[in-house]
Protein backbone atom coordinates (compact mmCIF):
# COMPACT_ATOMS: atom_id res chain seq x y z
CA UNK A 1 84.15 65.50 -51.36
CA UNK A 2 85.90 64.57 -48.14
CA UNK A 3 84.36 65.72 -44.84
CA UNK A 4 87.01 67.72 -43.01
CA UNK A 5 86.97 67.83 -39.21
CA UNK A 6 86.66 71.44 -37.90
CA UNK A 7 90.27 71.49 -36.66
CA UNK A 8 91.53 71.02 -40.23
CA UNK A 9 89.53 73.95 -41.61
CA UNK A 10 90.40 76.77 -39.20
CA UNK A 11 93.82 78.38 -38.76
CA UNK A 12 95.07 78.83 -35.20
CA UNK A 13 98.34 80.16 -33.85
CA UNK A 14 100.70 77.22 -33.38
CA UNK A 15 99.19 75.00 -36.04
CA UNK A 16 100.67 74.13 -39.41
CA UNK A 17 99.08 75.18 -42.69
CA UNK A 18 99.64 72.56 -45.38
CA UNK A 19 99.19 73.62 -48.99
CA UNK A 20 97.15 71.60 -51.49
CA UNK A 21 98.79 73.44 -54.42
CA UNK A 22 101.81 75.61 -54.98
CA UNK A 23 101.21 79.10 -53.65
CA UNK A 24 102.76 82.56 -53.48
CA UNK A 25 103.43 84.41 -50.25
CA UNK A 26 104.95 87.80 -49.50
CA UNK A 27 107.88 88.24 -47.16
CA UNK A 28 108.14 91.17 -44.76
CA UNK A 29 109.48 93.30 -47.61
CA UNK A 30 106.47 92.37 -49.81
CA UNK A 31 108.50 90.30 -52.26
CA UNK A 32 106.78 87.22 -53.69
CA UNK A 33 108.03 83.73 -52.91
CA UNK A 34 106.68 80.53 -54.45
CA UNK A 35 106.05 77.59 -52.10
CA UNK A 36 105.54 74.08 -53.49
CA UNK A 37 102.44 72.00 -52.85
CA UNK A 38 102.61 70.00 -49.63
CA UNK A 39 104.68 72.65 -47.84
CA UNK A 40 103.87 73.01 -44.15
CA UNK A 41 104.20 76.51 -42.72
CA UNK A 42 103.75 77.38 -39.04
CA UNK A 43 100.92 79.84 -38.31
CA UNK A 44 102.21 82.56 -35.95
CA UNK A 45 99.39 85.06 -36.31
CA UNK A 46 95.82 85.02 -37.56
CA UNK A 47 95.35 88.56 -38.74
CA UNK A 48 93.61 90.93 -41.02
CA UNK A 49 96.76 92.79 -42.02
CA UNK A 50 96.47 95.37 -44.79
CA UNK A 51 99.70 96.50 -46.43
CA UNK A 52 100.50 100.00 -47.58
CA UNK A 53 99.49 98.82 -51.06
CA UNK A 54 96.06 97.75 -49.82
CA UNK A 55 96.70 93.99 -50.00
CA UNK A 56 94.89 91.96 -47.35
CA UNK A 57 96.44 88.98 -45.58
CA UNK A 58 94.74 86.35 -43.49
CA UNK A 59 97.62 84.63 -41.70
CA UNK A 60 101.26 85.29 -40.91
CA UNK A 61 103.39 82.16 -41.15
CA UNK A 62 106.97 81.08 -40.62
CA UNK A 63 108.91 78.75 -42.93
CA UNK A 64 112.66 78.12 -42.66
CA UNK A 65 112.88 80.83 -39.97
CA UNK A 66 111.43 83.52 -42.26
CA UNK A 67 108.07 85.25 -41.85
CA UNK A 68 105.54 85.39 -44.69
CA UNK A 69 102.01 86.67 -45.18
CA UNK A 70 99.37 84.46 -46.79
CA UNK A 71 96.54 86.19 -48.71
CA UNK A 72 93.01 85.40 -47.59
CA UNK A 73 92.20 84.36 -51.15
CA UNK A 74 94.39 81.24 -50.95
CA UNK A 75 93.68 80.22 -47.34
CA UNK A 76 91.00 77.81 -48.59
CA UNK A 77 93.77 75.77 -50.25
CA UNK A 78 95.21 74.77 -46.88
CA UNK A 79 94.56 72.14 -44.26
CA UNK A 80 95.45 73.23 -40.72
CA UNK A 81 97.03 70.70 -38.42
CA UNK A 82 98.26 70.97 -34.84
CA UNK A 83 101.35 68.83 -34.42
CA UNK A 84 100.48 65.82 -32.32
CA UNK A 85 100.59 62.09 -31.97
CA UNK A 86 97.18 61.14 -33.38
CA UNK A 87 98.80 58.74 -35.87
CA UNK A 88 101.79 57.65 -33.78
CA UNK A 89 103.02 54.15 -34.57
CA UNK A 90 100.84 53.88 -37.69
CA UNK A 91 101.99 53.78 -41.31
CA UNK A 92 100.03 54.89 -44.37
CA UNK A 93 100.20 54.54 -48.14
CA UNK A 94 97.96 56.22 -50.73
CA UNK A 95 96.58 54.93 -54.01
CA UNK A 96 94.12 56.35 -56.52
CA UNK A 97 92.60 59.81 -56.78
CA UNK A 98 91.88 61.69 -53.57
CA UNK A 99 90.47 65.14 -52.84
CA UNK A 100 93.87 66.57 -51.97
CA UNK A 101 97.31 65.94 -53.46
CA UNK A 102 99.62 63.25 -52.06
CA UNK A 103 102.29 65.63 -50.72
CA UNK A 104 99.59 67.26 -48.58
CA UNK A 105 98.57 63.92 -47.09
CA UNK A 106 102.21 62.89 -46.58
CA UNK A 107 102.89 66.11 -44.64
CA UNK A 108 99.69 65.72 -42.61
CA UNK A 109 100.65 62.14 -41.71
CA UNK A 110 104.17 63.14 -40.65
CA UNK A 111 102.94 66.12 -38.57
CA UNK A 112 100.60 63.72 -36.75
CA UNK A 113 103.54 61.40 -35.90
CA UNK A 114 102.60 58.80 -38.50
CA UNK A 115 104.78 57.31 -41.21
CA UNK A 116 104.11 57.84 -44.91
CA UNK A 117 105.16 55.02 -47.26
CA UNK A 118 105.14 54.96 -51.03
CA UNK A 119 104.42 51.25 -51.38
CA UNK A 120 102.48 48.39 -49.80
CA UNK A 121 104.47 46.00 -47.62
CA UNK A 122 104.02 43.78 -44.59
CA UNK A 123 104.78 46.61 -42.15
CA UNK A 124 102.08 48.94 -43.53
CA UNK A 125 99.00 49.58 -41.36
CA UNK A 126 96.63 51.49 -43.69
CA UNK A 127 96.08 52.01 -47.40
CA UNK A 128 94.08 55.19 -48.12
CA UNK A 129 91.95 55.16 -51.27
CA UNK A 130 88.59 56.23 -52.65
CA UNK A 131 88.81 53.72 -55.48
CA UNK A 132 86.22 50.98 -55.88
CA UNK A 133 88.12 49.09 -58.58
CA UNK A 134 90.98 46.97 -57.27
CA UNK A 135 94.36 48.47 -58.12
CA UNK A 136 97.65 46.60 -57.79
CA UNK A 137 98.28 48.25 -54.41
CA UNK A 138 94.78 47.35 -53.20
CA UNK A 139 95.17 43.71 -54.28
CA UNK A 140 98.49 43.43 -52.50
CA UNK A 141 97.10 45.15 -49.38
CA UNK A 142 94.17 42.70 -49.23
CA UNK A 143 96.53 39.77 -49.76
CA UNK A 144 98.77 40.67 -46.81
CA UNK A 145 96.03 41.92 -44.47
CA UNK A 146 96.55 45.71 -44.61
CA UNK A 147 93.48 47.74 -43.57
CA UNK A 148 92.03 49.69 -46.50
CA UNK A 149 90.33 52.99 -45.56
CA UNK A 150 88.84 55.92 -47.47
CA UNK A 151 89.59 59.64 -47.01
CA UNK A 152 86.76 60.22 -44.54
CA UNK A 153 87.96 57.36 -42.34
CA UNK A 154 91.49 58.74 -42.45
CA UNK A 155 90.33 62.26 -41.52
CA UNK A 156 88.36 60.90 -38.57
CA UNK A 157 91.60 59.42 -37.18
CA UNK A 158 93.11 62.89 -36.77
């Protein structure tokens, strides 16, 4: 299991919550909306809101200029990221199985001013993998001098 830095585990106003799986949220009229995995929503309030129906919410978020409430029960499926430039000027590609899904990493990279690439090429800086067996992407990365890092190393860059 990857070791998450504290800033990726705790929601704060102004940070983005990035989903590891598709999830349902309620709008202000308590209608359900499905959000796909990898969606980044802006946290505007960390709350303990209880609706008239007794449902409890942990955070209020905004996506496409609409407000939604996220149940506490699914908050553990998010990474929280303050937009910044921690990865500025760096490009990343992913191969193999990781703790979180690829769209979540792609969003996290972009929110941190990095570039997400789907393939290995000469202008790639890092290949993220937990694999020990050489894949095609890993072989190519070694051949052209791309730095290969694991999830923990990537998380420590944030």
